[in-house]
Each structure stands twice: as C-alpha cells, then as structure tokens.
C-alpha cells in the first residue's frame, strides 16, 4: 500500500443500553470537525435490520474514507480530539475498527 493511498475504515458499533446511541451522536457531532480537518469523510452508514446468515448484530456500521493511513493516525494525536474521545468510550459497549481497501473488481 502506498503511503498516500486512500484507506477506508469500517466502523462497527454496539451501543451501551440506556443512552449509548445518544451519547454516540454527541461524540460524532464533536468529532466531525477533527475528522474533516484531516480529510476524512463518512461514505455511508447502515443500521442492520436482520442477520440472515451467522450471528452479527451491531447497532450501526459505517465507512469513513481517509486520504491516507497517516491522516487517520493523526486523529488520536490531536489535543482537541483527545478532549472529546471519552464520549465515544461512554457510548459504546463494543466496537470494531477495520482498515479496508477498495476491491479491484466487484465480487
């Protein structure tokens, strides 16, 4: 992977009961300016409705496009972001963050 190659981060979230979704919305609003300043942008988000094969029932998943891995790695180093990162932890009971790349050809 080239250093300046775009990356796609798959975010899979399970909210804490009793307010986790609302707390995550607060985090997302606060984090958006930091993500955008580094060139990140949300591609699309999804709320799973039914798992037809296997057991996988997150509350939300979405993909964020980043201009490079380096840009993504700068996010947690930003003091402003560090000040609001606790909101994410307060909102989630579990999460996955998976670095992806676009497939060369559709499956």
PDB file of N, CA and C in Angstrom:
ATOM      1  N   UNK A   1       0.845  -1.183   0.000  1.00  0.00           N
ATOM      2  CA  UNK A   1       0.000   0.000   0.000  1.00  0.00           C
ATOM      3  C   UNK A   1       0.886   1.240   0.000  1.00  0.00           C
ATOM      4  N   UNK A   2       0.638   2.140  -0.923  1.00  0.00           N
ATOM      5  CA  UNK A   2       1.382   3.395  -0.990  1.00  0.00           C
ATOM      6  C   UNK A   2       1.012   4.281   0.198  1.00  0.00           C
ATOM      7  N   UNK A   3       1.976   5.082   0.668  1.00  0.00           N
ATOM      8  CA  UNK A   3       1.736   5.935   1.829  1.00  0.00           C
ATOM      9  C   UNK A   3       0.593   6.913   1.618  1.00  0.00           C
ATOM     10  N   UNK A   4       0.410   7.369   0.388  1.00  0.00           N
ATOM     11  CA  UNK A   4      -0.626   8.365   0.123  1.00  0.00           C
ATOM     12  C   UNK A   4      -1.900   7.740  -0.449  1.00  0.00           C
ATOM     13  N   UNK A   5      -2.035   6.430  -0.356  1.00  0.00           N
ATOM     14  CA  UNK A   5      -3.215   5.741  -0.878  1.00  0.00           C
ATOM     15  C   UNK A   5      -4.390   5.899   0.088  1.00  0.00           C
ATOM     16  N   UNK A   6      -5.575   6.142  -0.463  1.00  0.00           N
ATOM     17  CA  UNK A   6      -6.769   6.251   0.367  1.00  0.00           C
ATOM     18  C   UNK A   6      -7.000   4.948   1.118  1.00  0.00           C
ATOM     19  N   UNK A   7      -7.528   5.093   2.337  1.00  0.00           N
ATOM     20  CA  UNK A   7      -7.944   3.926   3.100  1.00  0.00           C
ATOM     21  C   UNK A   7      -9.396   4.115   3.508  1.00  0.00           C
ATOM     22  N   UNK A   8     -10.030   3.024   3.839  1.00  0.00           N
ATOM     23  CA  UNK A   8     -11.432   3.022   4.238  1.00  0.00           C
ATOM     24  C   UNK A   8     -11.519   2.292   5.564  1.00  0.00           C
ATOM     25  N   UNK A   9     -12.058   2.977   6.563  1.00  0.00           N
ATOM     26  CA  UNK A   9     -12.176   2.382   7.886  1.00  0.00           C
ATOM     27  C   UNK A   9     -13.628   1.963   8.113  1.00  0.00           C
ATOM     28  N   UNK A  10     -13.808   0.664   8.298  1.00  0.00           N
ATOM     29  CA  UNK A  10     -15.119   0.120   8.633  1.00  0.00           C
ATOM     30  C   UNK A  10     -15.282   0.230  10.138  1.00  0.00           C
ATOM     31  N   UNK A  11     -16.282   0.970  10.564  1.00  0.00           N
ATOM     32  CA  UNK A  11     -16.599   1.164  11.975  1.00  0.00           C
ATOM     33  C   UNK A  11     -17.855   0.363  12.286  1.00  0.00           C
ATOM     34  N   UNK A  12     -17.762  -0.552  13.235  1.00  0.00           N
ATOM     35  CA  UNK A  12     -18.899  -1.377  13.636  1.00  0.00           C
ATOM     36  C   UNK A  12     -19.133  -1.108  15.121  1.00  0.00           C
ATOM     37  N   UNK A  13     -20.364  -0.718  15.464  1.00  0.00           N
ATOM     38  CA  UNK A  13     -20.640  -0.232  16.814  1.00  0.00           C
ATOM     39  C   UNK A  13     -21.784  -0.971  17.493  1.00  0.00           C
ATOM     40  N   UNK A  14     -21.591  -1.242  18.786  1.00  0.00           N
ATOM     41  CA  UNK A  14     -22.632  -1.752  19.659  1.00  0.00           C
ATOM     42  C   UNK A  14     -22.761  -0.729  20.787  1.00  0.00           C
ATOM     43  N   UNK A  15     -23.919  -0.117  20.898  1.00  0.00           N
ATOM     44  CA  UNK A  15     -24.125   0.932  21.894  1.00  0.00           C
ATOM     45  C   UNK A  15     -24.420   0.349  23.275  1.00  0.00           C
ATOM     46  N   UNK A  16     -24.026   1.091  24.295  1.00  0.00           N
ATOM     47  CA  UNK A  16     -24.423   0.745  25.653  1.00  0.00           C
ATOM     48  C   UNK A  16     -25.924   0.978  25.769  1.00  0.00           C
ATOM     49  N   UNK A  17     -26.593   0.151  26.574  1.00  0.00           N
ATOM     50  CA  UNK A  17     -28.026   0.397  26.770  1.00  0.00           C
ATOM     51  C   UNK A  17     -28.229   1.719  27.530  1.00  0.00           C
ATOM     52  N   UNK A  18     -29.418   2.221  27.469  1.00  0.00           N
ATOM     53  CA  UNK A  18     -29.778   3.425  28.226  1.00  0.00           C
ATOM     54  C   UNK A  18     -28.918   4.634  27.878  1.00  0.00           C
ATOM     55  N   UNK A  19     -28.985   5.040  26.617  1.00  0.00           N
ATOM     56  CA  UNK A  19     -28.368   6.299  26.237  1.00  0.00           C
ATOM     57  C   UNK A  19     -27.112   6.224  25.398  1.00  0.00           C
ATOM     58  N   UNK A  20     -26.645   5.028  25.088  1.00  0.00           N
ATOM     59  CA  UNK A  20     -25.421   4.917  24.296  1.00  0.00           C
ATOM     60  C   UNK A  20     -25.544   5.535  22.913  1.00  0.00           C
ATOM     61  N   UNK A  21     -26.690   5.337  22.268  1.00  0.00           N
ATOM     62  CA  UNK A  21     -26.883   5.889  20.919  1.00  0.00           C
ATOM     63  C   UNK A  21     -26.850   7.418  20.952  1.00  0.00           C
ATOM     64  N   UNK A  22     -27.501   8.002  21.932  1.00  0.00           N
ATOM     65  CA  UNK A  22     -27.496   9.458  22.061  1.00  0.00           C
ATOM     66  C   UNK A  22     -26.116  10.003  22.374  1.00  0.00           C
ATOM     67  N   UNK A  23     -25.398   9.306  23.235  1.00  0.00           N
ATOM     68  CA  UNK A  23     -24.036   9.724  23.587  1.00  0.00           C
ATOM     69  C   UNK A  23     -23.125   9.608  22.367  1.00  0.00           C
ATOM     70  N   UNK A  24     -23.340   8.570  21.534  1.00  0.00           N
ATOM     71  CA  UNK A  24     -22.520   8.437  20.333  1.00  0.00           C
ATOM     72  C   UNK A  24     -22.834   9.557  19.345  1.00  0.00           C
ATOM     73  N   UNK A  25     -24.088   9.943  19.246  1.00  0.00           N
ATOM     74  CA  UNK A  25     -24.452  11.063  18.370  1.00  0.00           C
ATOM     75  C   UNK A  25     -23.740  12.338  18.825  1.00  0.00           C
ATOM     76  N   UNK A  26     -23.647  12.521  20.134  1.00  0.00           N
ATOM     77  CA  UNK A  26     -22.923  13.673  20.685  1.00  0.00           C
ATOM     78  C   UNK A  26     -21.440  13.597  20.293  1.00  0.00           C
ATOM     79  N   UNK A  27     -20.858  12.413  20.425  1.00  0.00           N
ATOM     80  CA  UNK A  27     -19.459  12.210  20.033  1.00  0.00           C
ATOM     81  C   UNK A  27     -19.266  12.490  18.543  1.00  0.00           C
ATOM     82  N   UNK A  28     -20.139  11.936  17.705  1.00  0.00           N
ATOM     83  CA  UNK A  28     -19.996  12.085  16.254  1.00  0.00           C
ATOM     84  C   UNK A  28     -20.035  13.558  15.849  1.00  0.00           C
ATOM     85  N   UNK A  29     -20.919  14.315  16.455  1.00  0.00           N
ATOM     86  CA  UNK A  29     -21.011  15.749  16.166  1.00  0.00           C
ATOM     87  C   UNK A  29     -19.732  16.469  16.588  1.00  0.00           C
ATOM     88  N   UNK A  30     -19.216  16.112  17.764  1.00  0.00           N
ATOM     89  CA  UNK A  30     -17.999  16.756  18.265  1.00  0.00           C
ATOM     90  C   UNK A  30     -16.764  16.334  17.471  1.00  0.00           C
ATOM     91  N   UNK A  31     -16.729  15.087  16.994  1.00  0.00           N
ATOM     92  CA  UNK A  31     -15.555  14.564  16.285  1.00  0.00           C
ATOM     93  C   UNK A  31     -15.504  14.996  14.823  1.00  0.00           C
ATOM     94  N   UNK A  32     -16.644  15.298  14.238  1.00  0.00           N
ATOM     95  CA  UNK A  32     -16.707  15.594  12.798  1.00  0.00           C
ATOM     96  C   UNK A  32     -15.713  16.666  12.344  1.00  0.00           C
ATOM     97  N   UNK A  33     -15.576  17.788  13.032  1.00  0.00           N
ATOM     98  CA  UNK A  33     -14.622  18.799  12.557  1.00  0.00           C
ATOM     99  C   UNK A  33     -13.169  18.297  12.539  1.00  0.00           C
ATOM    100  N   UNK A  34     -12.811  17.444  13.484  1.00  0.00           N
ATOM    101  CA  UNK A  34     -11.445  16.908  13.537  1.00  0.00           C
ATOM    102  C   UNK A  34     -11.213  15.926  12.388  1.00  0.00           C
ATOM    103  N   UNK A  35     -12.207  15.093  12.120  1.00  0.00           N
ATOM    104  CA  UNK A  35     -12.121  14.140  11.011  1.00  0.00           C
ATOM    105  C   UNK A  35     -12.005  14.897   9.688  1.00  0.00           C
ATOM    106  N   UNK A  36     -12.873  15.881   9.505  1.00  0.00           N
ATOM    107  CA  UNK A  36     -12.883  16.646   8.256  1.00  0.00           C
ATOM    108  C   UNK A  36     -11.587  17.428   8.056  1.00  0.00           C
ATOM    109  N   UNK A  37     -11.025  17.956   9.133  1.00  0.00           N
ATOM    110  CA  UNK A  37      -9.774  18.721   9.029  1.00  0.00           C
ATOM    111  C   UNK A  37      -8.619  17.855   8.522  1.00  0.00           C
ATOM    112  N   UNK A  38      -8.712  16.553   8.756  1.00  0.00           N
ATOM    113  CA  UNK A  38      -7.675  15.625   8.303  1.00  0.00           C
ATOM    114  C   UNK A  38      -8.020  14.983   6.966  1.00  0.00           C
ATOM    115  N   UNK A  39      -9.132  15.408   6.373  1.00  0.00           N
ATOM    116  CA  UNK A  39      -9.519  14.888   5.064  1.00  0.00           C
ATOM    117  C   UNK A  39     -10.409  13.665   5.102  1.00  0.00           C
ATOM    118  N   UNK A  40     -10.862  13.274   6.291  1.00  0.00           N
ATOM    119  CA  UNK A  40     -11.754  12.121   6.409  1.00  0.00           C
ATOM    120  C   UNK A  40     -13.184  12.502   6.072  1.00  0.00           C
ATOM    121  N   UNK A  41     -13.924  11.528   5.540  1.00  0.00           N
ATOM    122  CA  UNK A  41     -15.347  11.769   5.272  1.00  0.00           C
ATOM    123  C   UNK A  41     -16.099  10.450   5.351  1.00  0.00           C
ATOM    124  N   UNK A  42     -17.286  10.534   5.927  1.00  0.00           N
ATOM    125  CA  UNK A  42     -18.113   9.338   6.017  1.00  0.00           C
ATOM    126  C   UNK A  42     -18.689   9.034   4.643  1.00  0.00           C
ATOM    127  N   UNK A  43     -18.504   7.794   4.187  1.00  0.00           N
ATOM    128  CA  UNK A  43     -19.023   7.361   2.892  1.00  0.00           C
ATOM    129  C   UNK A  43     -20.504   7.017   3.013  1.00  0.00           C
ATOM    130  N   UNK A  44     -20.819   6.165   3.962  1.00  0.00           N
ATOM    131  CA  UNK A  44     -22.207   5.743   4.128  1.00  0.00           C
ATOM    132  C   UNK A  44     -22.350   5.041   5.463  1.00  0.00           C
ATOM    133  N   UNK A  45     -23.550   5.051   6.003  1.00  0.00           N
ATOM    134  CA  UNK A  45     -23.827   4.378   7.258  1.00  0.00           C
ATOM    135  C   UNK A  45     -25.037   3.477   7.126  1.00  0.00           C
ATOM    136  N   UNK A  46     -25.077   2.447   7.965  1.00  0.00           N
ATOM    137  CA  UNK A  46     -26.148   1.463   7.887  1.00  0.00           C
ATOM    138  C   UNK A  46     -26.580   1.030   9.281  1.00  0.00           C
ATOM    139  N   UNK A  47     -27.880   0.789   9.427  1.00  0.00           N
ATOM    140  CA  UNK A  47     -28.443   0.198  10.633  1.00  0.00           C
ATOM    141  C   UNK A  47     -28.903  -1.201  10.254  1.00  0.00           C
ATOM    142  N   UNK A  48     -28.239  -2.242  10.769  1.00  0.00           N
ATOM    143  CA  UNK A  48     -28.637  -3.605  10.416  1.00  0.00           C
ATOM    144  C   UNK A  48     -30.063  -3.896  10.880  1.00  0.00           C
ATOM    145  N   UNK A  49     -30.800  -4.598  10.048  1.00  0.00           N
ATOM    146  CA  UNK A  49     -32.175  -4.953  10.385  1.00  0.00           C
ATOM    147  C   UNK A  49     -32.338  -6.429  10.718  1.00  0.00           C
ATOM    148  N   UNK A  50     -31.624  -7.299   9.994  1.00  0.00           N
ATOM    149  CA  UNK A  50     -31.773  -8.727  10.235  1.00  0.00           C
ATOM    150  C   UNK A  50     -30.552  -9.461   9.697  1.00  0.00           C
ATOM    151  N   UNK A  51     -29.981 -10.320  10.526  1.00  0.00           N
ATOM    152  CA  UNK A  51     -28.873 -11.163  10.091  1.00  0.00           C
ATOM    153  C   UNK A  51     -29.451 -12.463   9.545  1.00  0.00           C
ATOM    154  N   UNK A  52     -29.215 -12.727   8.267  1.00  0.00           N
ATOM    155  CA  UNK A  52     -29.773 -13.921   7.634  1.00  0.00           C
ATOM    156  C   UNK A  52     -28.856 -15.128   7.755  1.00  0.00           C
ATOM    157  N   UNK A  53     -27.556 -14.902   7.792  1.00  0.00           N
ATOM    158  CA  UNK A  53     -26.592 -15.981   7.967  1.00  0.00           C
ATOM    159  C   UNK A  53     -25.607 -15.543   9.044  1.00  0.00           C
ATOM    160  N   UNK A  54     -25.432 -16.336  10.056  1.00  0.00           N
ATOM    161  CA  UNK A  54     -24.490 -16.022  11.122  1.00  0.00           C
ATOM    162  C   UNK A  54     -25.075 -15.081  12.155  1.00  0.00           C
ATOM    163  N   UNK A  55     -24.300 -14.880  13.201  1.00  0.00           N
ATOM    164  CA  UNK A  55     -24.714 -14.001  14.292  1.00  0.00           C
ATOM    165  C   UNK A  55     -23.842 -12.754  14.283  1.00  0.00           C
ATOM    166  N   UNK A  56     -24.431 -11.672  13.872  1.00  0.00           N
ATOM    167  CA  UNK A  56     -23.730 -10.391  13.824  1.00  0.00           C
ATOM    168  C   UNK A  56     -24.790  -9.315  13.928  1.00  0.00           C
ATOM    169  N   UNK A  57     -24.909  -8.716  15.086  1.00  0.00           N
ATOM    170  CA  UNK A  57     -25.991  -7.764  15.313  1.00  0.00           C
ATOM    171  C   UNK A  57     -25.497  -6.457  15.934  1.00  0.00           C
ATOM    172  N   UNK A  58     -24.665  -5.723  15.213  1.00  0.00           N
ATOM    173  CA  UNK A  58     -24.272  -4.411  15.718  1.00  0.00           C
ATOM    174  C   UNK A  58     -25.448  -3.437  15.617  1.00  0.00           C
ATOM    175  N   UNK A  59     -25.317  -2.320  16.289  1.00  0.00           N
ATOM    176  CA  UNK A  59     -26.348  -1.283  16.222  1.00  0.00           C
ATOM    177  C   UNK A  59     -26.164  -0.371  15.013  1.00  0.00           C
ATOM    178  N   UNK A  60     -24.928  -0.216  14.577  1.00  0.00           N
ATOM    179  CA  UNK A  60     -24.624   0.702  13.478  1.00  0.00           C
ATOM    180  C   UNK A  60     -23.283   0.312  12.877  1.00  0.00           C
ATOM    181  N   UNK A  61     -23.162   0.456  11.555  1.00  0.00           N
ATOM    182  CA  UNK A  61     -21.836   0.373  10.951  1.00  0.00           C
ATOM    183  C   UNK A  61     -21.754   1.363   9.809  1.00  0.00           C
ATOM    184  N   UNK A  62     -20.540   1.857   9.597  1.00  0.00           N
ATOM    185  CA  UNK A  62     -20.327   2.855   8.552  1.00  0.00           C
ATOM    186  C   UNK A  62     -18.874   2.818   8.103  1.00  0.00           C
ATOM    187  N   UNK A  63     -18.630   3.447   6.966  1.00  0.00           N
ATOM    188  CA  UNK A  63     -17.286   3.510   6.399  1.00  0.00           C
ATOM    189  C   UNK A  63     -16.845   4.968   6.321  1.00  0.00           C
ATOM    190  N   UNK A  64     -15.631   5.220   6.776  1.00  0.00           N
ATOM    191  CA  UNK A  64     -15.020   6.542   6.659  1.00  0.00           C
ATOM    192  C   UNK A  64     -13.838   6.426   5.701  1.00  0.00           C
ATOM    193  N   UNK A  65     -13.834   7.287   4.694  1.00  0.00           N
ATOM    194  CA  UNK A  65     -12.718   7.356   3.745  1.00  0.00           C
ATOM    195  C   UNK A  65     -11.693   8.347   4.284  1.00  0.00           C
ATOM    196  N   UNK A  66     -10.429   7.941   4.250  1.00  0.00           N
ATOM    197  CA  UNK A  66      -9.321   8.794   4.678  1.00  0.00           C
ATOM    198  C   UNK A  66      -8.353   8.955   3.515  1.00  0.00           C
ATOM    199  N   UNK A  67      -7.725  10.121   3.370  1.00  0.00           N
ATOM    200  CA  UNK A  67      -6.796  10.314   2.256  1.00  0.00           C
ATOM    201  C   UNK A  67      -5.564   9.412   2.351  1.00  0.00           C
ATOM    202  N   UNK A  68      -5.228   8.984   3.573  1.00  0.00           N
ATOM    203  CA  UNK A  68      -4.065   8.117   3.774  1.00  0.00           C
ATOM    204  C   UNK A  68      -4.126   7.533   5.181  1.00  0.00           C
ATOM    205  N   UNK A  69      -3.347   6.495   5.406  1.00  0.00           N
ATOM    206  CA  UNK A  69      -3.235   5.933   6.750  1.00  0.00           C
ATOM    207  C   UNK A  69      -2.654   6.974   7.698  1.00  0.00           C
ATOM    208  N   UNK A  70      -1.687   7.734   7.219  1.00  0.00           N
ATOM    209  CA  UNK A  70      -1.064   8.769   8.053  1.00  0.00           C
ATOM    210  C   UNK A  70      -2.099   9.789   8.538  1.00  0.00           C
ATOM    211  N   UNK A  71      -3.007  10.202   7.669  1.00  0.00           N
ATOM    212  CA  UNK A  71      -4.054  11.152   8.077  1.00  0.00           C
ATOM    213  C   UNK A  71      -4.904  10.551   9.189  1.00  0.00           C
ATOM    214  N   UNK A  72      -5.304   9.295   9.020  1.00  0.00           N
ATOM    215  CA  UNK A  72      -6.106   8.629  10.049  1.00  0.00           C
ATOM    216  C   UNK A  72      -5.347   8.565  11.377  1.00  0.00           C
ATOM    217  N   UNK A  73      -4.073   8.238  11.322  1.00  0.00           N
ATOM    218  CA  UNK A  73      -3.284   8.084  12.546  1.00  0.00           C
ATOM    219  C   UNK A  73      -3.058   9.399  13.276  1.00  0.00           C
ATOM    220  N   UNK A  74      -3.276  10.524  12.607  1.00  0.00           N
ATOM    221  CA  UNK A  74      -3.143  11.833  13.248  1.00  0.00           C
ATOM    222  C   UNK A  74      -4.327  12.149  14.162  1.00  0.00           C
ATOM    223  N   UNK A  75      -5.479  11.547  13.901  1.00  0.00           N
ATOM    224  CA  UNK A  75      -6.690  11.887  14.662  1.00  0.00           C
ATOM    225  C   UNK A  75      -6.506  11.738  16.170  1.00  0.00           C
ATOM    226  N   UNK A  76      -6.084  10.583  16.677  1.00  0.00           N
ATOM    227  CA  UNK A  76      -5.987  10.456  18.137  1.00  0.00           C
ATOM    228  C   UNK A  76      -4.872  11.289  18.764  1.00  0.00           C
ATOM    229  N   UNK A  77      -4.012  11.886  17.953  1.00  0.00           N
ATOM    230  CA  UNK A  77      -2.934  12.729  18.471  1.00  0.00           C
ATOM    231  C   UNK A  77      -3.364  14.176  18.671  1.00  0.00           C
ATOM    232  N   UNK A  78      -4.492  14.559  18.102  1.00  0.00           N
ATOM    233  CA  UNK A  78      -4.978  15.938  18.183  1.00  0.00           C
ATOM    234  C   UNK A  78      -5.502  16.210  19.596  1.00  0.00           C
ATOM    235  N   UNK A  79      -4.975  17.216  20.291  1.00  0.00           N
ATOM    236  CA  UNK A  79      -5.435  17.508  21.651  1.00  0.00           C
ATOM    237  C   UNK A  79      -6.934  17.815  21.726  1.00  0.00           C
ATOM    238  N   UNK A  80      -7.461  18.479  20.712  1.00  0.00           N
ATOM    239  CA  UNK A  80      -8.896  18.755  20.697  1.00  0.00           C
ATOM    240  C   UNK A  80      -9.711  17.484  20.612  1.00  0.00           C
ATOM    241  N   UNK A  81      -9.263  16.556  19.773  1.00  0.00           N
ATOM    242  CA  UNK A  81      -9.950  15.267  19.673  1.00  0.00           C
ATOM    243  C   UNK A  81      -9.810  14.490  20.984  1.00  0.00           C
ATOM    244  N   UNK A  82      -8.641  14.515  21.570  1.00  0.00           N
ATOM    245  CA  UNK A  82      -8.425  13.809  22.835  1.00  0.00           C
ATOM    246  C   UNK A  82      -9.404  14.279  23.901  1.00  0.00           C
ATOM    247  N   UNK A  83      -9.761  15.557  23.864  1.00  0.00           N
ATOM    248  CA  UNK A  83     -10.677  16.118  24.856  1.00  0.00           C
ATOM    249  C   UNK A  83     -12.102  15.593  24.718  1.00  0.00           C
ATOM    250  N   UNK A  84     -12.476  15.100  23.536  1.00  0.00           N
ATOM    251  CA  UNK A  84     -13.850  14.609  23.344  1.00  0.00           C
ATOM    252  C   UNK A  84     -13.907  13.088  23.156  1.00  0.00           C
ATOM    253  N   UNK A  85     -12.764  12.430  23.077  1.00  0.00           N
ATOM    254  CA  UNK A  85     -12.728  10.983  22.814  1.00  0.00           C
ATOM    255  C   UNK A  85     -13.448  10.174  23.889  1.00  0.00           C
ATOM    256  N   UNK A  86     -13.508  10.696  25.100  1.00  0.00           N
ATOM    257  CA  UNK A  86     -14.201   9.981  26.180  1.00  0.00           C
ATOM    258  C   UNK A  86     -15.671   9.747  25.849  1.00  0.00           C
ATOM    259  N   UNK A  87     -16.270  10.615  25.042  1.00  0.00           N
ATOM    260  CA  UNK A  87     -17.678  10.443  24.669  1.00  0.00           C
ATOM    261  C   UNK A  87     -17.886   9.128  23.924  1.00  0.00           C
ATOM    262  N   UNK A  88     -16.934   8.762  23.086  1.00  0.00           N
ATOM    263  CA  UNK A  88     -17.021   7.502  22.339  1.00  0.00           C
ATOM    264  C   UNK A  88     -17.005   6.319  23.304  1.00  0.00           C
ATOM    265  N   UNK A  89     -16.083   6.347  24.247  1.00  0.00           N
ATOM    266  CA  UNK A  89     -15.984   5.255  25.222  1.00  0.00           C
ATOM    267  C   UNK A  89     -17.242   5.162  26.083  1.00  0.00           C
ATOM    268  N   UNK A  90     -17.806   6.300  26.427  1.00  0.00           N
ATOM    269  CA  UNK A  90     -19.020   6.318  27.246  1.00  0.00           C
ATOM    270  C   UNK A  90     -20.221   5.777  26.488  1.00  0.00           C
ATOM    271  N   UNK A  91     -20.190   5.833  25.159  1.00  0.00           N
ATOM    272  CA  UNK A  91     -21.329   5.433  24.331  1.00  0.00           C
ATOM    273  C   UNK A  91     -21.334   3.957  23.964  1.00  0.00           C
ATOM    274  N   UNK A  92     -20.161   3.336  23.893  1.00  0.00           N
ATOM    275  CA  UNK A  92     -20.056   2.011  23.277  1.00  0.00           C
ATOM    276  C   UNK A  92     -19.788   0.903  24.284  1.00  0.00           C
ATOM    277  N   UNK A  93     -20.485  -0.224  24.073  1.00  0.00           N
ATOM    278  CA  UNK A  93     -20.155  -1.418  24.853  1.00  0.00           C
ATOM    279  C   UNK A  93     -19.155  -2.274  24.102  1.00  0.00           C
ATOM    280  N   UNK A  94     -19.092  -2.104  22.764  1.00  0.00           N
ATOM    281  CA  UNK A  94     -18.115  -2.818  21.949  1.00  0.00           C
ATOM    282  C   UNK A  94     -18.013  -2.123  20.596  1.00  0.00           C
ATOM    283  N   UNK A  95     -16.899  -2.366  19.913  1.00  0.00           N
ATOM    284  CA  UNK A  95     -16.725  -1.796  18.576  1.00  0.00           C
ATOM    285  C   UNK A  95     -15.650  -2.572  17.829  1.00  0.00           C
ATOM    286  N   UNK A  96     -15.702  -2.454  16.526  1.00  0.00           N
ATOM    287  CA  UNK A  96     -14.659  -2.963  15.643  1.00  0.00           C
ATOM    288  C   UNK A  96     -14.240  -1.813  14.746  1.00  0.00           C
ATOM    289  N   UNK A  97     -12.974  -1.739  14.442  1.00  0.00           N
ATOM    290  CA  UNK A  97     -12.450  -0.747  13.511  1.00  0.00           C
ATOM    291  C   UNK A  97     -11.516  -1.509  12.578  1.00  0.00           C
ATOM    292  N   UNK A  98     -11.900  -1.604  11.304  1.00  0.00           N
ATOM    293  CA  UNK A  98     -11.195  -2.456  10.357  1.00  0.00           C
ATOM    294  C   UNK A  98     -10.742  -1.633   9.158  1.00  0.00           C
ATOM    295  N   UNK A  99      -9.429  -1.612   8.933  1.00  0.00           N
ATOM    296  CA  UNK A  99      -8.894  -0.909   7.763  1.00  0.00           C
ATOM    297  C   UNK A  99      -9.175  -1.737   6.515  1.00  0.00           C
ATOM    298  N   UNK A 100      -9.700  -1.068   5.481  1.00  0.00           N
ATOM    299  CA  UNK A 100     -10.068  -1.741   4.239  1.00  0.00           C
ATOM    300  C   UNK A 100      -9.475  -0.989   3.054  1.00  0.00           C
ATOM    301  N   UNK A 101      -9.481  -1.655   1.920  1.00  0.00           N
ATOM    302  CA  UNK A 101      -9.154  -1.002   0.651  1.00  0.00           C
ATOM    303  C   UNK A 101     -10.233  -1.412  -0.333  1.00  0.00           C
ATOM    304  N   UNK A 102     -10.382  -0.621  -1.368  1.00  0.00           N
ATOM    305  CA  UNK A 102     -11.373  -0.948  -2.390  1.00  0.00           C
ATOM    306  C   UNK A 102     -10.948  -2.210  -3.119  1.00  0.00           C
ATOM    307  N   UNK A 103     -11.920  -3.031  -3.468  1.00  0.00           N
ATOM    308  CA  UNK A 103     -11.648  -4.221  -4.264  1.00  0.00           C
ATOM    309  C   UNK A 103     -11.329  -3.785  -5.690  1.00  0.00           C
ATOM    310  N   UNK A 104     -10.398  -4.476  -6.326  1.00  0.00           N
ATOM    311  CA  UNK A 104     -10.013  -4.134  -7.698  1.00  0.00           C
ATOM    312  C   UNK A 104     -11.187  -4.300  -8.651  1.00  0.00           C
ATOM    313  N   UNK A 105     -11.952  -5.333  -8.440  1.00  0.00           N
ATOM    314  CA  UNK A 105     -13.149  -5.570  -9.252  1.00  0.00           C
ATOM    315  C   UNK A 105     -14.266  -5.988  -8.320  1.00  0.00           C
ATOM    316  N   UNK A 106     -15.486  -5.632  -8.622  1.00  0.00           N
ATOM    317  CA  UNK A 106     -16.597  -6.041  -7.763  1.00  0.00           C
ATOM    318  C   UNK A 106     -16.679  -7.565  -7.691  1.00  0.00           C
ATOM    319  N   UNK A 107     -17.053  -8.078  -6.524  1.00  0.00           N
ATOM    320  CA  UNK A 107     -17.163  -9.538  -6.380  1.00  0.00           C
ATOM    321  C   UNK A 107     -18.263 -10.118  -7.249  1.00  0.00           C
TER     322      UNK A 107
END
